[in-house]
Amino acid sequence: MPGDFRPISLCNVIFKIITKTIANRLKLILSDIIGKFQSAFVPERLIIDNALLTFESFHYMRKKKKKKKRQEEVCGTKARYVKRI
């Protein structure tokens, strides 16, 4: 009966070997499976890239909105001056 049991340390080694083997096989096709917008766990891609891209997009939209608002204000004041003259 005690001969049927394996030491826990041997089980961990076997699981580590199997996990490493699967990970090495998946590493070859991982970039094909994971989309371009999913950047975590892919070599040469950083998880911060998506956050930076989002920040830059919001910054651009805010800047564009402020620029449009300023143009409307400028056009509105010019129109007032034209009407007064």
N, C-alpha and C. Protein backbone atom coordinates (compact mmCIF):
# COMPACT_ATOMS: atom_id res chain seq x y z
N MET A 1 0.81 -1.19 0.00
CA MET A 1 0.00 0.00 0.00
C MET A 1 0.86 1.27 0.00
N PRO A 2 1.86 1.44 0.89
CA PRO A 2 2.68 2.65 0.85
C PRO A 2 3.48 2.75 -0.45
N GLY A 3 3.70 1.65 -1.15
CA GLY A 3 4.44 1.69 -2.41
C GLY A 3 3.63 2.32 -3.54
N ASP A 4 2.32 2.40 -3.35
CA ASP A 4 1.46 2.99 -4.39
C ASP A 4 1.50 4.53 -4.39
N PHE A 5 1.99 5.12 -3.34
CA PHE A 5 2.01 6.58 -3.23
C PHE A 5 3.33 7.14 -3.74
N ARG A 6 3.25 8.28 -4.39
CA ARG A 6 4.45 8.97 -4.84
C ARG A 6 4.73 10.12 -3.90
N PRO A 7 5.98 10.43 -3.68
CA PRO A 7 6.30 11.60 -2.86
C PRO A 7 5.80 12.88 -3.56
N ILE A 8 5.33 13.82 -2.77
CA ILE A 8 4.79 15.06 -3.31
C ILE A 8 5.83 15.79 -4.15
N SER A 9 7.07 15.75 -3.73
CA SER A 9 8.12 16.46 -4.47
C SER A 9 8.27 15.92 -5.89
N LEU A 10 8.10 14.63 -6.10
CA LEU A 10 8.19 14.06 -7.45
C LEU A 10 7.00 14.51 -8.31
N CYS A 11 5.83 14.62 -7.72
CA CYS A 11 4.66 15.11 -8.47
C CYS A 11 4.90 16.53 -8.96
N ASN A 12 5.47 17.37 -8.12
CA ASN A 12 5.73 18.75 -8.53
C ASN A 12 6.71 18.81 -9.69
N VAL A 13 7.74 17.96 -9.67
CA VAL A 13 8.72 17.95 -10.75
C VAL A 13 8.06 17.52 -12.05
N ILE A 14 7.23 16.50 -12.00
CA ILE A 14 6.55 16.01 -13.20
C ILE A 14 5.63 17.09 -13.76
N PHE A 15 4.88 17.77 -12.89
CA PHE A 15 3.98 18.83 -13.34
C PHE A 15 4.76 20.00 -13.93
N LYS A 16 5.91 20.31 -13.36
CA LYS A 16 6.73 21.40 -13.89
C LYS A 16 7.26 21.05 -15.28
N ILE A 17 7.67 19.81 -15.47
CA ILE A 17 8.18 19.38 -16.78
C ILE A 17 7.07 19.43 -17.83
N ILE A 18 5.89 18.94 -17.46
CA ILE A 18 4.76 18.96 -18.41
C ILE A 18 4.37 20.41 -18.74
N THR A 19 4.30 21.25 -17.74
CA THR A 19 3.95 22.65 -17.95
C THR A 19 4.96 23.36 -18.82
N LYS A 20 6.23 23.13 -18.58
CA LYS A 20 7.29 23.76 -19.37
C LYS A 20 7.23 23.29 -20.82
N THR A 21 6.96 22.01 -21.03
CA THR A 21 6.86 21.46 -22.38
C THR A 21 5.69 22.11 -23.14
N ILE A 22 4.54 22.20 -22.49
CA ILE A 22 3.36 22.82 -23.12
C ILE A 22 3.63 24.30 -23.41
N ALA A 23 4.25 25.00 -22.47
CA ALA A 23 4.55 26.42 -22.65
C ALA A 23 5.51 26.64 -23.82
N ASN A 24 6.51 25.80 -23.95
CA ASN A 24 7.46 25.93 -25.06
C ASN A 24 6.80 25.65 -26.40
N ARG A 25 5.87 24.72 -26.44
CA ARG A 25 5.16 24.44 -27.68
C ARG A 25 4.20 25.58 -28.04
N LEU A 26 3.54 26.14 -27.05
CA LEU A 26 2.62 27.24 -27.31
C LEU A 26 3.34 28.53 -27.68
N LYS A 27 4.57 28.68 -27.22
CA LYS A 27 5.35 29.89 -27.49
C LYS A 27 5.51 30.11 -28.99
N LEU A 28 5.60 29.04 -29.75
CA LEU A 28 5.80 29.14 -31.19
C LEU A 28 4.59 29.71 -31.91
N ILE A 29 3.38 29.38 -31.44
CA ILE A 29 2.17 29.82 -32.14
C ILE A 29 1.38 30.87 -31.35
N LEU A 30 1.92 31.32 -30.25
CA LEU A 30 1.19 32.25 -29.38
C LEU A 30 0.87 33.57 -30.07
N SER A 31 1.80 34.11 -30.84
CA SER A 31 1.55 35.39 -31.51
C SER A 31 0.48 35.26 -32.59
N ASP A 32 0.30 34.07 -33.15
CA ASP A 32 -0.77 33.85 -34.14
C ASP A 32 -2.13 33.71 -33.49
N ILE A 33 -2.16 33.15 -32.29
CA ILE A 33 -3.43 32.92 -31.59
C ILE A 33 -3.95 34.20 -30.97
N ILE A 34 -3.06 34.98 -30.36
CA ILE A 34 -3.46 36.19 -29.65
C ILE A 34 -3.52 37.35 -30.62
N GLY A 35 -4.60 38.12 -30.56
CA GLY A 35 -4.81 39.24 -31.46
C GLY A 35 -3.82 40.37 -31.21
N LYS A 36 -3.78 41.32 -32.15
CA LYS A 36 -2.84 42.44 -32.05
C LYS A 36 -3.17 43.36 -30.89
N PHE A 37 -4.45 43.42 -30.51
CA PHE A 37 -4.86 44.33 -29.45
C PHE A 37 -4.70 43.71 -28.06
N GLN A 38 -4.39 42.43 -27.99
CA GLN A 38 -4.11 41.78 -26.71
C GLN A 38 -2.60 41.69 -26.57
N SER A 39 -2.04 42.50 -25.71
CA SER A 39 -0.58 42.60 -25.69
C SER A 39 0.08 41.87 -24.53
N ALA A 40 -0.67 41.39 -23.58
CA ALA A 40 -0.05 40.72 -22.42
C ALA A 40 0.42 39.31 -22.80
N PHE A 41 1.49 38.90 -22.23
CA PHE A 41 2.04 37.56 -22.35
C PHE A 41 2.58 37.23 -23.74
N VAL A 42 2.82 38.23 -24.57
CA VAL A 42 3.40 38.00 -25.89
C VAL A 42 4.76 38.69 -25.90
N PRO A 43 5.79 37.98 -26.34
CA PRO A 43 7.12 38.59 -26.39
C PRO A 43 7.13 39.82 -27.29
N GLU A 44 7.90 40.82 -26.92
CA GLU A 44 8.06 42.08 -27.64
C GLU A 44 6.81 42.95 -27.61
N ARG A 45 5.83 42.62 -26.78
CA ARG A 45 4.67 43.49 -26.58
C ARG A 45 4.56 43.75 -25.08
N LEU A 46 4.24 44.97 -24.74
CA LEU A 46 4.11 45.33 -23.34
C LEU A 46 2.65 45.58 -23.00
N ILE A 47 2.26 45.25 -21.80
CA ILE A 47 0.88 45.45 -21.38
C ILE A 47 0.56 46.94 -21.26
N ILE A 48 1.58 47.76 -21.06
CA ILE A 48 1.37 49.21 -20.93
C ILE A 48 1.06 49.85 -22.28
N ASP A 49 1.37 49.18 -23.39
CA ASP A 49 1.12 49.75 -24.71
C ASP A 49 -0.35 50.11 -24.91
N ASN A 50 -1.25 49.25 -24.46
CA ASN A 50 -2.68 49.52 -24.62
C ASN A 50 -3.10 50.72 -23.77
N ALA A 51 -2.57 50.83 -22.58
CA ALA A 51 -2.90 51.97 -21.73
C ALA A 51 -2.40 53.27 -22.36
N LEU A 52 -1.20 53.27 -22.90
CA LEU A 52 -0.66 54.46 -23.55
C LEU A 52 -1.47 54.83 -24.79
N LEU A 53 -1.86 53.84 -25.55
CA LEU A 53 -2.66 54.09 -26.74
C LEU A 53 -4.00 54.71 -26.38
N THR A 54 -4.63 54.21 -25.33
CA THR A 54 -5.90 54.75 -24.87
C THR A 54 -5.73 56.18 -24.38
N PHE A 55 -4.70 56.43 -23.59
CA PHE A 55 -4.44 57.78 -23.08
C PHE A 55 -4.22 58.76 -24.23
N GLU A 56 -3.43 58.37 -25.21
CA GLU A 56 -3.16 59.24 -26.35
C GLU A 56 -4.43 59.51 -27.15
N SER A 57 -5.29 58.51 -27.28
CA SER A 57 -6.55 58.69 -28.01
C SER A 57 -7.45 59.70 -27.29
N PHE A 58 -7.60 59.55 -25.98
CA PHE A 58 -8.42 60.49 -25.22
C PHE A 58 -7.82 61.90 -25.25
N HIS A 59 -6.51 61.99 -25.15
CA HIS A 59 -5.84 63.29 -25.20
C HIS A 59 -6.11 63.97 -26.55
N TYR A 60 -6.01 63.21 -27.63
CA TYR A 60 -6.26 63.76 -28.97
C TYR A 60 -7.71 64.23 -29.10
N MET A 61 -8.65 63.44 -28.60
CA MET A 61 -10.07 63.82 -28.70
C MET A 61 -10.37 65.08 -27.89
N ARG A 62 -9.82 65.17 -26.68
CA ARG A 62 -10.02 66.38 -25.86
C ARG A 62 -9.42 67.61 -26.53
N LYS A 63 -8.21 67.44 -27.06
CA LYS A 63 -7.54 68.55 -27.72
C LYS A 63 -8.32 69.00 -28.96
N LYS A 64 -8.84 68.06 -29.70
CA LYS A 64 -9.62 68.37 -30.89
C LYS A 64 -10.92 69.09 -30.51
N LYS A 65 -11.54 68.64 -29.43
CA LYS A 65 -12.80 69.25 -28.96
C LYS A 65 -12.54 70.69 -28.52
N LYS A 66 -11.45 70.92 -27.77
CA LYS A 66 -11.12 72.27 -27.31
C LYS A 66 -10.80 73.18 -28.50
N LYS A 67 -10.10 72.63 -29.49
CA LYS A 67 -9.75 73.42 -30.67
C LYS A 67 -11.03 73.83 -31.41
N LYS A 68 -11.95 72.91 -31.54
CA LYS A 68 -13.22 73.20 -32.22
C LYS A 68 -14.00 74.27 -31.45
N LYS A 69 -14.00 74.16 -30.12
CA LYS A 69 -14.71 75.13 -29.28
C LYS A 69 -14.08 76.52 -29.44
N ARG A 70 -12.75 76.57 -29.47
CA ARG A 70 -12.05 77.84 -29.66
C ARG A 70 -12.37 78.44 -31.02
N GLN A 71 -12.43 77.60 -32.05
CA GLN A 71 -12.75 78.09 -33.39
C GLN A 71 -14.16 78.66 -33.42
N GLU A 72 -15.10 78.01 -32.74
CA GLU A 72 -16.47 78.52 -32.68
C GLU A 72 -16.51 79.85 -31.95
N GLU A 73 -15.74 80.00 -30.88
CA GLU A 73 -15.69 81.25 -30.15
C GLU A 73 -15.09 82.36 -31.01
N VAL A 74 -14.03 82.03 -31.72
CA VAL A 74 -13.37 83.02 -32.58
C VAL A 74 -14.31 83.42 -33.72
N CYS A 75 -14.93 82.45 -34.34
CA CYS A 75 -15.87 82.74 -35.42
C CYS A 75 -17.05 83.56 -34.91
N GLY A 76 -17.51 83.28 -33.72
CA GLY A 76 -18.62 84.02 -33.13
C GLY A 76 -18.24 85.46 -32.87
N THR A 77 -17.04 85.72 -32.38
CA THR A 77 -16.62 87.10 -32.11
C THR A 77 -16.38 87.85 -33.40
N LYS A 78 -15.85 87.21 -34.41
CA LYS A 78 -15.65 87.86 -35.69
C LYS A 78 -16.99 88.24 -36.30
N ALA A 79 -17.96 87.33 -36.16
CA ALA A 79 -19.28 87.62 -36.70
C ALA A 79 -19.90 88.83 -36.00
N ARG A 80 -19.69 88.99 -34.72
CA ARG A 80 -20.21 90.13 -33.98
C ARG A 80 -19.56 91.43 -34.48
N TYR A 81 -18.22 91.36 -34.70
CA TYR A 81 -17.52 92.54 -35.18
C TYR A 81 -18.00 92.93 -36.59
N VAL A 82 -18.23 91.93 -37.40
CA VAL A 82 -18.68 92.20 -38.77
C VAL A 82 -20.06 92.85 -38.73
N LYS A 83 -20.92 92.37 -37.87
CA LYS A 83 -22.26 92.92 -37.78
C LYS A 83 -22.24 94.36 -37.27
N ARG A 84 -21.33 94.69 -36.40
CA ARG A 84 -21.26 96.03 -35.81
C ARG A 84 -20.73 97.04 -36.82
N ILE A 85 -19.88 96.64 -37.69
CA ILE A 85 -19.25 97.58 -38.65
C ILE A 85 -20.22 97.88 -39.70
